[in-house]
């Protein structure tokens, strides 16, 4: 077993409900201290409070030995001394010793010392941590969407026709697109936060969509994305790379090319396809080569239209804007992930 105690401790300190399960108690826990320094210089791993009782928790990721029992016994004695000197909140102390394997000899020692032994599996703690993380941190389960629409500039006709709120039928008439095509385009535009629906089921531009439309080069063809428009979308993605499935797919494609460029440059298509699939969490869904080719074409087109990568034939290149994008994105992504983890240090 190669698991650091500090990592299991991180989980129990951050998620008291997991600690509650491991300790086998019903009361809700509140973390009072972590790595509390005792007068002897030793440190208690975790100290919780539940109702009016203190819960001393000593954590091990190895087989229990007698010294661990004596260690917990001494910790409790020091805590009592602190309470007697009014240096710690009053309350009865329940001392727990957690270990993956506790023999009967150590269990008997624990019973004699008034210590509660608890066997646990570190992997169960890490599994519980990931399960809870996945439930509120959307970046864990977020995967790129397959819109079947391979270029962002196709949205321009729809976006430029939205000078005011319109029904889907009106948009279809104004743009010459079918109702199903309007719906398909809208799904991508919504994922990019360029369009939204109103309470009366009409389509309208979002604030970001208005900025994008205003940044249009009116002298250019309708399918042209200006440098200012691409920069607007770049900055939007950088600030929140997990805001939607499409945004996640675009940043993952750029990150894929950037990462693989450390191996060979320009980056060949076959390397990009497999790495992009695994990075996107689509290993099983995109198992067929045709599917892999299609989604790679889709997201590499999106990224290339925004000036973040270049593609010539079956070779991918990182652009100056792409380098800037990745460096800024990694900063924002790291902050967002740390905030979501909520790990106490």
C-alpha atoms as a PDB file:
ATOM      1  CA  UNK A   1       0.000   0.000   0.000  1.00  0.00           C
ATOM      2  CA  UNK A   2       1.394   3.357  -1.053  1.00  0.00           C
ATOM      3  CA  UNK A   3      -0.854   6.023   0.455  1.00  0.00           C
ATOM      4  CA  UNK A   4       0.372   8.900   2.566  1.00  0.00           C
ATOM      5  CA  UNK A   5      -1.307   9.422   5.922  1.00  0.00           C
ATOM      6  CA  UNK A   6      -1.555  13.129   5.204  1.00  0.00           C
ATOM      7  CA  UNK A   7      -3.745  12.438   2.158  1.00  0.00           C
ATOM      8  CA  UNK A   8      -6.232  10.341   4.118  1.00  0.00           C
ATOM      9  CA  UNK A   9      -6.091  12.955   6.853  1.00  0.00           C
ATOM     10  CA  UNK A  10      -6.911  15.643   4.271  1.00  0.00           C
ATOM     11  CA  UNK A  11     -10.107  13.828   3.379  1.00  0.00           C
ATOM     12  CA  UNK A  12     -11.268  13.272   6.944  1.00  0.00           C
ATOM     13  CA  UNK A  13     -10.483  16.869   7.884  1.00  0.00           C
ATOM     14  CA  UNK A  14     -12.329  18.264   4.873  1.00  0.00           C
ATOM     15  CA  UNK A  15     -15.303  15.898   4.922  1.00  0.00           C
ATOM     16  CA  UNK A  16     -16.374  15.236   8.528  1.00  0.00           C
ATOM     17  CA  UNK A  17     -19.223  13.057   7.239  1.00  0.00           C
ATOM     18  CA  UNK A  18     -16.651  10.576   5.923  1.00  0.00           C
ATOM     19  CA  UNK A  19     -14.814  10.707   9.264  1.00  0.00           C
ATOM     20  CA  UNK A  20     -18.141  10.044  10.973  1.00  0.00           C
ATOM     21  CA  UNK A  21     -18.640   6.889   8.899  1.00  0.00           C
ATOM     22  CA  UNK A  22     -15.106   5.656   9.556  1.00  0.00           C
ATOM     23  CA  UNK A  23     -15.403   6.258  13.307  1.00  0.00           C
ATOM     24  CA  UNK A  24     -18.783   4.556  13.397  1.00  0.00           C
ATOM     25  CA  UNK A  25     -20.577   7.309  15.282  1.00  0.00           C
ATOM     26  CA  UNK A  26     -23.958   9.004  14.773  1.00  0.00           C
ATOM     27  CA  UNK A  27     -23.153  12.488  16.029  1.00  0.00           C
ATOM     28  CA  UNK A  28     -22.173  15.217  13.582  1.00  0.00           C
ATOM     29  CA  UNK A  29     -18.499  16.163  13.793  1.00  0.00           C
ATOM     30  CA  UNK A  30     -16.887  19.577  13.774  1.00  0.00           C
ATOM     31  CA  UNK A  31     -13.139  19.814  13.216  1.00  0.00           C
ATOM     32  CA  UNK A  32     -11.505  21.483  16.189  1.00  0.00           C
ATOM     33  CA  UNK A  33      -7.849  21.067  15.235  1.00  0.00           C
ATOM     34  CA  UNK A  34      -5.588  19.272  12.800  1.00  0.00           C
ATOM     35  CA  UNK A  35      -1.987  18.359  13.614  1.00  0.00           C
ATOM     36  CA  UNK A  36      -2.473  19.942  17.026  1.00  0.00           C
ATOM     37  CA  UNK A  37       0.894  20.437  18.721  1.00  0.00           C
ATOM     38  CA  UNK A  38       0.975  19.015  22.237  1.00  0.00           C
ATOM     39  CA  UNK A  39       3.207  20.182  25.144  1.00  0.00           C
ATOM     40  CA  UNK A  40       5.429  17.160  24.463  1.00  0.00           C
ATOM     41  CA  UNK A  41       5.979  18.384  20.915  1.00  0.00           C
ATOM     42  CA  UNK A  42       3.988  15.516  19.420  1.00  0.00           C
ATOM     43  CA  UNK A  43       1.062  16.240  17.083  1.00  0.00           C
ATOM     44  CA  UNK A  44      -2.472  14.868  17.198  1.00  0.00           C
ATOM     45  CA  UNK A  45      -3.714  14.070  13.708  1.00  0.00           C
ATOM     46  CA  UNK A  46      -7.318  15.173  14.162  1.00  0.00           C
ATOM     47  CA  UNK A  47      -9.385  16.556  16.995  1.00  0.00           C
ATOM     48  CA  UNK A  48     -13.139  16.813  16.500  1.00  0.00           C
ATOM     49  CA  UNK A  49     -15.971  17.882  18.734  1.00  0.00           C
ATOM     50  CA  UNK A  50     -19.364  16.158  18.695  1.00  0.00           C
ATOM     51  CA  UNK A  51     -22.027  17.517  21.016  1.00  0.00           C
ATOM     52  CA  UNK A  52     -20.086  18.002  24.273  1.00  0.00           C
ATOM     53  CA  UNK A  53     -17.452  15.327  23.653  1.00  0.00           C
ATOM     54  CA  UNK A  54     -14.024  15.590  22.062  1.00  0.00           C
ATOM     55  CA  UNK A  55     -12.967  12.996  19.490  1.00  0.00           C
ATOM     56  CA  UNK A  56      -9.227  12.368  19.386  1.00  0.00           C
ATOM     57  CA  UNK A  57      -8.314  10.588  16.149  1.00  0.00           C
ATOM     58  CA  UNK A  58      -4.920   9.062  15.458  1.00  0.00           C
ATOM     59  CA  UNK A  59      -4.615   7.852  11.883  1.00  0.00           C
ATOM     60  CA  UNK A  60      -2.351   5.133  10.494  1.00  0.00           C
ATOM     61  CA  UNK A  61      -2.047   3.614   7.022  1.00  0.00           C
ATOM     62  CA  UNK A  62      -0.097   0.587   8.219  1.00  0.00           C
ATOM     63  CA  UNK A  63      -0.707  -2.428  10.434  1.00  0.00           C
ATOM     64  CA  UNK A  64      -1.278  -1.486  14.049  1.00  0.00           C
ATOM     65  CA  UNK A  65       1.516  -2.060  16.568  1.00  0.00           C
ATOM     66  CA  UNK A  66       1.505  -1.642  20.345  1.00  0.00           C
ATOM     67  CA  UNK A  67       3.412   1.657  20.174  1.00  0.00           C
ATOM     68  CA  UNK A  68       0.452   3.228  18.347  1.00  0.00           C
ATOM     69  CA  UNK A  69      -1.821   2.377  21.271  1.00  0.00           C
ATOM     70  CA  UNK A  70       0.586   3.897  23.799  1.00  0.00           C
ATOM     71  CA  UNK A  71       0.882   6.970  21.565  1.00  0.00           C
ATOM     72  CA  UNK A  72      -2.883   7.590  21.611  1.00  0.00           C
ATOM     73  CA  UNK A  73      -3.000   6.948  25.361  1.00  0.00           C
ATOM     74  CA  UNK A  74      -0.334   9.625  25.932  1.00  0.00           C
ATOM     75  CA  UNK A  75      -2.138  12.075  23.652  1.00  0.00           C
ATOM     76  CA  UNK A  76      -5.326  11.738  25.661  1.00  0.00           C
ATOM     77  CA  UNK A  77      -3.418  12.250  28.903  1.00  0.00           C
ATOM     78  CA  UNK A  78      -1.922  15.475  27.528  1.00  0.00           C
ATOM     79  CA  UNK A  79      -5.327  16.702  26.376  1.00  0.00           C
ATOM     80  CA  UNK A  80      -6.738  16.134  29.857  1.00  0.00           C
ATOM     81  CA  UNK A  81      -3.844  18.124  31.318  1.00  0.00           C
ATOM     82  CA  UNK A  82      -4.625  20.963  28.920  1.00  0.00           C
ATOM     83  CA  UNK A  83      -8.266  20.875  30.000  1.00  0.00           C
ATOM     84  CA  UNK A  84      -7.267  20.983  33.663  1.00  0.00           C
ATOM     85  CA  UNK A  85      -5.173  24.064  32.909  1.00  0.00           C
ATOM     86  CA  UNK A  86      -8.080  25.714  31.077  1.00  0.00           C
ATOM     87  CA  UNK A  87      -6.110  25.577  27.807  1.00  0.00           C
ATOM     88  CA  UNK A  88      -8.621  23.377  26.014  1.00  0.00           C
ATOM     89  CA  UNK A  89     -12.409  23.231  25.946  1.00  0.00           C
ATOM     90  CA  UNK A  90     -13.924  20.965  28.568  1.00  0.00           C
ATOM     91  CA  UNK A  91     -15.593  17.709  27.672  1.00  0.00           C
ATOM     92  CA  UNK A  92     -15.091  13.977  27.860  1.00  0.00           C
ATOM     93  CA  UNK A  93     -12.535  12.628  25.388  1.00  0.00           C
ATOM     94  CA  UNK A  94     -13.135   9.651  23.121  1.00  0.00           C
ATOM     95  CA  UNK A  95      -9.817   8.402  21.720  1.00  0.00           C
ATOM     96  CA  UNK A  96      -9.823   6.565  18.376  1.00  0.00           C
ATOM     97  CA  UNK A  97      -7.028   4.633  16.715  1.00  0.00           C
ATOM     98  CA  UNK A  98      -7.548   4.026  12.994  1.00  0.00           C
ATOM     99  CA  UNK A  99      -5.515   1.383  11.182  1.00  0.00           C
ATOM    100  CA  UNK A 100      -6.070  -0.934   8.183  1.00  0.00           C
ATOM    101  CA  UNK A 101      -5.236  -3.967  10.321  1.00  0.00           C
ATOM    102  CA  UNK A 102      -5.574  -4.373  14.088  1.00  0.00           C
ATOM    103  CA  UNK A 103      -4.736  -7.726  15.699  1.00  0.00           C
ATOM    104  CA  UNK A 104      -6.468  -9.021  18.793  1.00  0.00           C
ATOM    105  CA  UNK A 105      -3.388  -8.223  20.897  1.00  0.00           C
ATOM    106  CA  UNK A 106      -3.665  -4.535  20.039  1.00  0.00           C
ATOM    107  CA  UNK A 107      -7.420  -4.606  20.471  1.00  0.00           C
ATOM    108  CA  UNK A 108      -6.915  -5.901  24.004  1.00  0.00           C
ATOM    109  CA  UNK A 109      -4.384  -3.134  24.680  1.00  0.00           C
ATOM    110  CA  UNK A 110      -6.881  -0.567  23.362  1.00  0.00           C
ATOM    111  CA  UNK A 111      -9.604  -1.928  25.622  1.00  0.00           C
ATOM    112  CA  UNK A 112      -7.309  -1.731  28.652  1.00  0.00           C
ATOM    113  CA  UNK A 113      -6.375   1.850  27.762  1.00  0.00           C
ATOM    114  CA  UNK A 114      -9.937   2.953  26.998  1.00  0.00           C
ATOM    115  CA  UNK A 115      -9.141   3.527  23.346  1.00  0.00           C
ATOM    116  CA  UNK A 116     -11.574   2.735  20.522  1.00  0.00           C
ATOM    117  CA  UNK A 117      -9.881   0.734  17.716  1.00  0.00           C
ATOM    118  CA  UNK A 118     -11.272   1.104  14.202  1.00  0.00           C
ATOM    119  CA  UNK A 119     -10.144  -0.862  11.180  1.00  0.00           C
ATOM    120  CA  UNK A 120     -10.611   0.958   7.893  1.00  0.00           C
ATOM    121  CA  UNK A 121      -9.338   0.829   4.316  1.00  0.00           C
ATOM    122  CA  UNK A 122      -7.558   3.940   2.986  1.00  0.00           C
ATOM    123  CA  UNK A 123      -8.927   3.144  -0.468  1.00  0.00           C
ATOM    124  CA  UNK A 124     -12.473   3.393   0.909  1.00  0.00           C
ATOM    125  CA  UNK A 125     -11.691   6.866   2.214  1.00  0.00           C
ATOM    126  CA  UNK A 126     -10.283   7.959  -1.150  1.00  0.00           C
ATOM    127  CA  UNK A 127     -13.262   6.419  -2.959  1.00  0.00           C
ATOM    128  CA  UNK A 128     -15.666   8.299  -0.687  1.00  0.00           C
ATOM    129  CA  UNK A 129     -13.703  11.501  -1.274  1.00  0.00           C
ATOM    130  CA  UNK A 130     -13.967  11.157  -5.055  1.00  0.00           C
ATOM    131  CA  UNK A 131     -17.659  10.315  -4.829  1.00  0.00           C
ATOM    132  CA  UNK A 132     -18.422  13.464  -2.842  1.00  0.00           C
ATOM    133  CA  UNK A 133     -16.159  15.563  -5.036  1.00  0.00           C
ATOM    134  CA  UNK A 134     -17.957  14.367  -8.140  1.00  0.00           C
ATOM    135  CA  UNK A 135     -21.336  15.281  -6.661  1.00  0.00           C
ATOM    136  CA  UNK A 136     -20.569  19.020  -6.477  1.00  0.00           C
ATOM    137  CA  UNK A 137     -17.511  19.632  -8.650  1.00  0.00           C
ATOM    138  CA  UNK A 138     -18.856  19.479 -12.202  1.00  0.00           C
ATOM    139  CA  UNK A 139     -15.400  19.360 -13.789  1.00  0.00           C
ATOM    140  CA  UNK A 140     -15.102  15.738 -12.635  1.00  0.00           C
ATOM    141  CA  UNK A 141     -17.980  14.503 -14.802  1.00  0.00           C
ATOM    142  CA  UNK A 142     -17.943  17.181 -17.508  1.00  0.00           C
ATOM    143  CA  UNK A 143     -17.405  15.784 -21.002  1.00  0.00           C
ATOM    144  CA  UNK A 144     -17.447  17.487 -24.425  1.00  0.00           C
ATOM    145  CA  UNK A 145     -20.715  17.495 -26.341  1.00  0.00           C
ATOM    146  CA  UNK A 146     -21.049  16.141 -29.857  1.00  0.00           C
ATOM    147  CA  UNK A 147     -23.183  18.808 -31.541  1.00  0.00           C
ATOM    148  CA  UNK A 148     -22.735  17.543 -35.062  1.00  0.00           C
ATOM    149  CA  UNK A 149     -21.940  21.153 -35.978  1.00  0.00           C
ATOM    150  CA  UNK A 150     -18.337  21.426 -37.004  1.00  0.00           C
ATOM    151  CA  UNK A 151     -17.650  25.154 -37.198  1.00  0.00           C
ATOM    152  CA  UNK A 152     -18.433  28.100 -34.909  1.00  0.00           C
ATOM    153  CA  UNK A 153     -18.788  30.584 -37.760  1.00  0.00           C
ATOM    154  CA  UNK A 154     -21.992  28.808 -38.869  1.00  0.00           C
ATOM    155  CA  UNK A 155     -23.647  30.465 -35.864  1.00  0.00           C
ATOM    156  CA  UNK A 156     -23.056  33.945 -37.265  1.00  0.00           C
ATOM    157  CA  UNK A 157     -26.128  33.908 -39.498  1.00  0.00           C
ATOM    158  CA  UNK A 158     -28.284  33.137 -36.473  1.00  0.00           C
ATOM    159  CA  UNK A 159     -26.577  35.582 -34.132  1.00  0.00           C
ATOM    160  CA  UNK A 160     -26.579  38.488 -36.574  1.00  0.00           C
ATOM    161  CA  UNK A 161     -30.321  38.046 -37.147  1.00  0.00           C
ATOM    162  CA  UNK A 162     -31.091  38.513 -33.440  1.00  0.00           C
ATOM    163  CA  UNK A 163     -31.288  42.283 -33.261  1.00  0.00           C
ATOM    164  CA  UNK A 164     -34.351  41.671 -31.089  1.00  0.00           C
ATOM    165  CA  UNK A 165     -36.037  38.726 -29.418  1.00  0.00           C
ATOM    166  CA  UNK A 166     -37.490  36.265 -31.907  1.00  0.00           C
ATOM    167  CA  UNK A 167     -39.358  32.992 -31.999  1.00  0.00           C
ATOM    168  CA  UNK A 168     -37.644  29.995 -33.557  1.00  0.00           C
ATOM    169  CA  UNK A 169     -39.983  30.160 -36.556  1.00  0.00           C
ATOM    170  CA  UNK A 170     -39.138  33.829 -37.127  1.00  0.00           C
ATOM    171  CA  UNK A 171     -35.420  33.039 -37.021  1.00  0.00           C
ATOM    172  CA  UNK A 172     -35.869  30.240 -39.516  1.00  0.00           C
ATOM    173  CA  UNK A 173     -37.665  32.590 -41.898  1.00  0.00           C
ATOM    174  CA  UNK A 174     -35.125  35.402 -41.480  1.00  0.00           C
ATOM    175  CA  UNK A 175     -32.091  33.160 -41.976  1.00  0.00           C
ATOM    176  CA  UNK A 176     -33.437  30.696 -44.493  1.00  0.00           C
ATOM    177  CA  UNK A 177     -32.576  27.816 -42.144  1.00  0.00           C
ATOM    178  CA  UNK A 178     -34.873  24.934 -41.287  1.00  0.00           C
ATOM    179  CA  UNK A 179     -36.461  24.747 -37.846  1.00  0.00           C
ATOM    180  CA  UNK A 180     -34.348  21.720 -36.951  1.00  0.00           C
ATOM    181  CA  UNK A 181     -31.166  23.512 -38.065  1.00  0.00           C
ATOM    182  CA  UNK A 182     -32.067  26.557 -35.974  1.00  0.00           C
ATOM    183  CA  UNK A 183     -32.523  24.267 -32.961  1.00  0.00           C
ATOM    184  CA  UNK A 184     -29.196  22.562 -33.634  1.00  0.00           C
ATOM    185  CA  UNK A 185     -27.365  25.878 -33.992  1.00  0.00           C
ATOM    186  CA  UNK A 186     -29.032  27.182 -30.854  1.00  0.00           C
ATOM    187  CA  UNK A 187     -27.723  24.265 -28.782  1.00  0.00           C
ATOM    188  CA  UNK A 188     -24.147  25.148 -29.692  1.00  0.00           C
ATOM    189  CA  UNK A 189     -24.745  28.897 -29.252  1.00  0.00           C
ATOM    190  CA  UNK A 190     -26.288  28.253 -25.843  1.00  0.00           C
ATOM    191  CA  UNK A 191     -23.315  26.090 -24.819  1.00  0.00           C
ATOM    192  CA  UNK A 192     -21.037  29.000 -25.774  1.00  0.00           C
ATOM    193  CA  UNK A 193     -23.294  31.382 -23.807  1.00  0.00           C
ATOM    194  CA  UNK A 194     -24.025  33.457 -26.913  1.00  0.00           C
ATOM    195  CA  UNK A 195     -27.794  32.855 -26.944  1.00  0.00           C
ATOM    196  CA  UNK A 196     -30.530  32.093 -24.449  1.00  0.00           C
ATOM    197  CA  UNK A 197     -34.291  31.669 -24.295  1.00  0.00           C
ATOM    198  CA  UNK A 198     -36.675  34.046 -22.587  1.00  0.00           C
ATOM    199  CA  UNK A 199     -39.660  33.185 -20.420  1.00  0.00           C
ATOM    200  CA  UNK A 200     -41.927  33.500 -23.455  1.00  0.00           C
ATOM    201  CA  UNK A 201     -39.778  30.947 -25.338  1.00  0.00           C
ATOM    202  CA  UNK A 202     -38.149  33.463 -27.614  1.00  0.00           C
ATOM    203  CA  UNK A 203     -34.457  33.475 -28.532  1.00  0.00           C
ATOM    204  CA  UNK A 204     -32.210  36.391 -27.624  1.00  0.00           C
ATOM    205  CA  UNK A 205     -28.538  37.284 -27.410  1.00  0.00           C
ATOM    206  CA  UNK A 206     -26.797  37.040 -24.065  1.00  0.00           C
ATOM    207  CA  UNK A 207     -24.485  39.813 -22.874  1.00  0.00           C
ATOM    208  CA  UNK A 208     -21.581  37.809 -24.298  1.00  0.00           C
ATOM    209  CA  UNK A 209     -23.523  37.313 -27.531  1.00  0.00           C
ATOM    210  CA  UNK A 210     -24.055  41.046 -27.895  1.00  0.00           C
ATOM    211  CA  UNK A 211     -20.341  41.686 -27.396  1.00  0.00           C
ATOM    212  CA  UNK A 212     -19.568  39.059 -30.024  1.00  0.00           C
ATOM    213  CA  UNK A 213     -21.990  40.594 -32.539  1.00  0.00           C
ATOM    214  CA  UNK A 214     -20.743  44.135 -31.888  1.00  0.00           C
ATOM    215  CA  UNK A 215     -17.180  42.963 -32.548  1.00  0.00           C
ATOM    216  CA  UNK A 216     -18.148  41.815 -36.053  1.00  0.00           C
ATOM    217  CA  UNK A 217     -16.150  43.061 -39.033  1.00  0.00           C
ATOM    218  CA  UNK A 218     -19.021  44.387 -41.145  1.00  0.00           C
ATOM    219  CA  UNK A 219     -16.823  44.456 -44.248  1.00  0.00           C
ATOM    220  CA  UNK A 220     -16.053  40.752 -43.984  1.00  0.00           C
ATOM    221  CA  UNK A 221     -18.240  37.848 -45.162  1.00  0.00           C
ATOM    222  CA  UNK A 222     -20.857  36.585 -42.712  1.00  0.00           C
ATOM    223  CA  UNK A 223     -18.877  33.422 -41.992  1.00  0.00           C
ATOM    224  CA  UNK A 224     -15.789  35.379 -40.882  1.00  0.00           C
ATOM    225  CA  UNK A 225     -14.799  35.537 -37.198  1.00  0.00           C
ATOM    226  CA  UNK A 226     -12.821  38.676 -36.450  1.00  0.00           C
ATOM    227  CA  UNK A 227      -9.766  38.813 -34.190  1.00  0.00           C
ATOM    228  CA  UNK A 228     -11.798  40.763 -31.652  1.00  0.00           C
ATOM    229  CA  UNK A 229     -14.581  38.180 -31.714  1.00  0.00           C
ATOM    230  CA  UNK A 230     -12.129  35.334 -31.193  1.00  0.00           C
ATOM    231  CA  UNK A 231     -10.487  37.198 -28.310  1.00  0.00           C
ATOM    232  CA  UNK A 232     -13.873  37.709 -26.649  1.00  0.00           C
ATOM    233  CA  UNK A 233     -14.544  33.957 -26.714  1.00  0.00           C
ATOM    234  CA  UNK A 234     -10.971  33.155 -25.660  1.00  0.00           C
ATOM    235  CA  UNK A 235     -11.254  35.340 -22.567  1.00  0.00           C
ATOM    236  CA  UNK A 236     -14.648  33.857 -21.734  1.00  0.00           C
ATOM    237  CA  UNK A 237     -13.286  30.300 -21.833  1.00  0.00           C
ATOM    238  CA  UNK A 238     -10.178  31.234 -19.838  1.00  0.00           C
ATOM    239  CA  UNK A 239     -12.256  32.608 -16.966  1.00  0.00           C
ATOM    240  CA  UNK A 240     -14.430  29.517 -16.625  1.00  0.00           C
ATOM    241  CA  UNK A 241     -13.165  26.449 -18.542  1.00  0.00           C
ATOM    242  CA  UNK A 242     -15.789  24.227 -16.895  1.00  0.00           C
ATOM    243  CA  UNK A 243     -18.849  26.344 -17.661  1.00  0.00           C
ATOM    244  CA  UNK A 244     -20.180  24.050 -20.394  1.00  0.00           C
ATOM    245  CA  UNK A 245     -19.393  20.877 -22.305  1.00  0.00           C
ATOM    246  CA  UNK A 246     -18.395  22.732 -25.468  1.00  0.00           C
ATOM    247  CA  UNK A 247     -16.126  25.145 -23.629  1.00  0.00           C
ATOM    248  CA  UNK A 248     -14.505  22.190 -21.883  1.00  0.00           C
ATOM    249  CA  UNK A 249     -13.977  20.485 -25.243  1.00  0.00           C
ATOM    250  CA  UNK A 250     -12.300  23.528 -26.792  1.00  0.00           C
ATOM    251  CA  UNK A 251      -9.865  24.005 -23.947  1.00  0.00           C
ATOM    252  CA  UNK A 252      -9.146  20.263 -23.817  1.00  0.00           C
ATOM    253  CA  UNK A 253      -8.252  20.275 -27.518  1.00  0.00           C
ATOM    254  CA  UNK A 254      -5.817  23.182 -27.091  1.00  0.00           C
ATOM    255  CA  UNK A 255      -4.320  21.612 -23.984  1.00  0.00           C
ATOM    256  CA  UNK A 256      -3.940  18.328 -25.885  1.00  0.00           C
ATOM    257  CA  UNK A 257      -1.910  19.916 -28.680  1.00  0.00           C
ATOM    258  CA  UNK A 258       0.148  21.925 -26.196  1.00  0.00           C
ATOM    259  CA  UNK A 259       0.952  18.874 -24.039  1.00  0.00           C
ATOM    260  CA  UNK A 260       1.766  16.565 -26.950  1.00  0.00           C
ATOM    261  CA  UNK A 261       4.071  19.167 -28.507  1.00  0.00           C
ATOM    262  CA  UNK A 262       6.590  18.189 -25.814  1.00  0.00           C
ATOM    263  CA  UNK A 263       6.938  14.850 -27.591  1.00  0.00           C
ATOM    264  CA  UNK A 264       6.979  15.862 -31.242  1.00  0.00           C
ATOM    265  CA  UNK A 265       6.151  18.972 -33.234  1.00  0.00           C
ATOM    266  CA  UNK A 266       4.003  19.504 -35.177  1.00  0.00           C
ATOM    267  CA  UNK A 267       1.689  17.061 -33.455  1.00  0.00           C
ATOM    268  CA  UNK A 268       0.289  14.280 -35.691  1.00  0.00           C
ATOM    269  CA  UNK A 269      -3.440  13.607 -35.873  1.00  0.00           C
ATOM    270  CA  UNK A 270      -3.266  10.055 -34.476  1.00  0.00           C
ATOM    271  CA  UNK A 271      -1.590  11.284 -31.283  1.00  0.00           C
ATOM    272  CA  UNK A 272      -4.148  14.058 -30.887  1.00  0.00           C
ATOM    273  CA  UNK A 273      -7.105  11.730 -31.405  1.00  0.00           C
ATOM    274  CA  UNK A 274      -6.229   9.252 -28.681  1.00  0.00           C
ATOM    275  CA  UNK A 275      -5.021  11.833 -26.156  1.00  0.00           C
ATOM    276  CA  UNK A 276      -8.039  14.095 -26.720  1.00  0.00           C
ATOM    277  CA  UNK A 277     -10.407  11.160 -26.247  1.00  0.00           C
ATOM    278  CA  UNK A 278      -8.851  10.120 -22.921  1.00  0.00           C
ATOM    279  CA  UNK A 279      -8.518  13.713 -21.662  1.00  0.00           C
ATOM    280  CA  UNK A 280     -12.182  14.296 -22.467  1.00  0.00           C
ATOM    281  CA  UNK A 281     -13.338  11.261 -20.478  1.00  0.00           C
ATOM    282  CA  UNK A 282     -14.737   9.664 -23.640  1.00  0.00           C
ATOM    283  CA  UNK A 283     -12.571   6.545 -23.831  1.00  0.00           C
ATOM    284  CA  UNK A 284     -15.542   4.215 -24.194  1.00  0.00           C
ATOM    285  CA  UNK A 285     -18.016   6.501 -26.010  1.00  0.00           C
ATOM    286  CA  UNK A 286     -15.545   7.451 -28.761  1.00  0.00           C
ATOM    287  CA  UNK A 287     -14.068   3.995 -29.334  1.00  0.00           C
ATOM    288  CA  UNK A 288     -14.807   3.877 -33.094  1.00  0.00           C
ATOM    289  CA  UNK A 289     -12.196   5.538 -35.297  1.00  0.00           C
ATOM    290  CA  UNK A 290     -14.813   7.431 -37.337  1.00  0.00           C
ATOM    291  CA  UNK A 291     -16.288   8.904 -34.177  1.00  0.00           C
ATOM    292  CA  UNK A 292     -12.817   9.918 -33.018  1.00  0.00           C
ATOM    293  CA  UNK A 293     -12.121  11.561 -36.373  1.00  0.00           C
ATOM    294  CA  UNK A 294     -15.422  13.445 -36.319  1.00  0.00           C
ATOM    295  CA  UNK A 295     -15.088  14.868 -32.805  1.00  0.00           C
ATOM    296  CA  UNK A 296     -11.445  15.747 -33.418  1.00  0.00           C
ATOM    297  CA  UNK A 297     -12.429  17.621 -36.546  1.00  0.00           C
ATOM    298  CA  UNK A 298     -15.199  19.398 -34.669  1.00  0.00           C
ATOM    299  CA  UNK A 299     -13.163  20.601 -31.710  1.00  0.00           C
ATOM    300  CA  UNK A 300      -9.966  21.268 -33.637  1.00  0.00           C
ATOM    301  CA  UNK A 301     -12.064  23.431 -35.977  1.00  0.00           C
ATOM    302  CA  UNK A 302     -13.527  25.314 -33.026  1.00  0.00           C
ATOM    303  CA  UNK A 303     -10.070  25.901 -31.542  1.00  0.00           C
ATOM    304  CA  UNK A 304      -8.560  26.854 -34.904  1.00  0.00           C
ATOM    305  CA  UNK A 305     -11.360  29.342 -35.641  1.00  0.00           C
ATOM    306  CA  UNK A 306     -10.532  31.047 -32.356  1.00  0.00           C
ATOM    307  CA  UNK A 307      -6.854  31.212 -33.332  1.00  0.00           C
ATOM    308  CA  UNK A 308      -5.748  28.876 -30.533  1.00  0.00           C
ATOM    309  CA  UNK A 309      -4.247  26.153 -32.710  1.00  0.00           C
ATOM    310  CA  UNK A 310      -3.390  25.707 -36.368  1.00  0.00           C
ATOM    311  CA  UNK A 311      -4.064  22.644 -38.459  1.00  0.00           C
ATOM    312  CA  UNK A 312      -2.348  21.906 -41.750  1.00  0.00           C
ATOM    313  CA  UNK A 313      -3.254  18.541 -43.187  1.00  0.00           C
ATOM    314  CA  UNK A 314      -2.880  15.978 -40.408  1.00  0.00           C
ATOM    315  CA  UNK A 315      -0.514  18.129 -38.335  1.00  0.00           C
ATOM    316  CA  UNK A 316      -1.431  20.402 -35.441  1.00  0.00           C
ATOM    317  CA  UNK A 317       0.402  23.546 -34.361  1.00  0.00           C
ATOM    318  CA  UNK A 318       0.150  25.710 -31.266  1.00  0.00           C
ATOM    319  CA  UNK A 319      -0.249  29.440 -31.926  1.00  0.00           C
ATOM    320  CA  UNK A 320       0.947  32.469 -29.909  1.00  0.00           C
ATOM    321  CA  UNK A 321      -2.652  33.046 -28.809  1.00  0.00           C
ATOM    322  CA  UNK A 322      -2.822  29.362 -27.893  1.00  0.00           C
ATOM    323  CA  UNK A 323       0.208  29.634 -25.601  1.00  0.00           C
ATOM    324  CA  UNK A 324      -1.257  32.719 -23.903  1.00  0.00           C
ATOM    325  CA  UNK A 325      -4.592  30.931 -23.626  1.00  0.00           C
ATOM    326  CA  UNK A 326      -3.111  27.813 -22.012  1.00  0.00           C
ATOM    327  CA  UNK A 327      -0.978  29.705 -19.501  1.00  0.00           C
ATOM    328  CA  UNK A 328      -3.846  31.918 -18.347  1.00  0.00           C
ATOM    329  CA  UNK A 329      -6.306  29.036 -18.404  1.00  0.00           C
ATOM    330  CA  UNK A 330      -4.119  26.824 -16.247  1.00  0.00           C
ATOM    331  CA  UNK A 331      -4.034  29.566 -13.622  1.00  0.00           C
ATOM    332  CA  UNK A 332      -7.824  29.983 -13.569  1.00  0.00           C
ATOM    333  CA  UNK A 333      -8.402  26.229 -13.761  1.00  0.00           C
ATOM    334  CA  UNK A 334      -6.121  25.569 -10.799  1.00  0.00           C
ATOM    335  CA  UNK A 335      -7.865  28.188  -8.663  1.00  0.00           C
ATOM    336  CA  UNK A 336     -11.276  26.785  -9.567  1.00  0.00           C
ATOM    337  CA  UNK A 337     -10.268  23.208  -8.777  1.00  0.00           C
ATOM    338  CA  UNK A 338      -8.680  24.173  -5.439  1.00  0.00           C
ATOM    339  CA  UNK A 339     -11.831  26.068  -4.471  1.00  0.00           C
ATOM    340  CA  UNK A 340     -13.955  23.062  -5.390  1.00  0.00           C
ATOM    341  CA  UNK A 341     -11.768  20.630  -3.459  1.00  0.00           C
ATOM    342  CA  UNK A 342     -11.911  22.727  -0.305  1.00  0.00           C
ATOM    343  CA  UNK A 343      -8.963  20.816   1.105  1.00  0.00           C
ATOM    344  CA  UNK A 344      -7.875  22.289   4.437  1.00  0.00           C
ATOM    345  CA  UNK A 345      -4.167  22.797   4.925  1.00  0.00           C
END
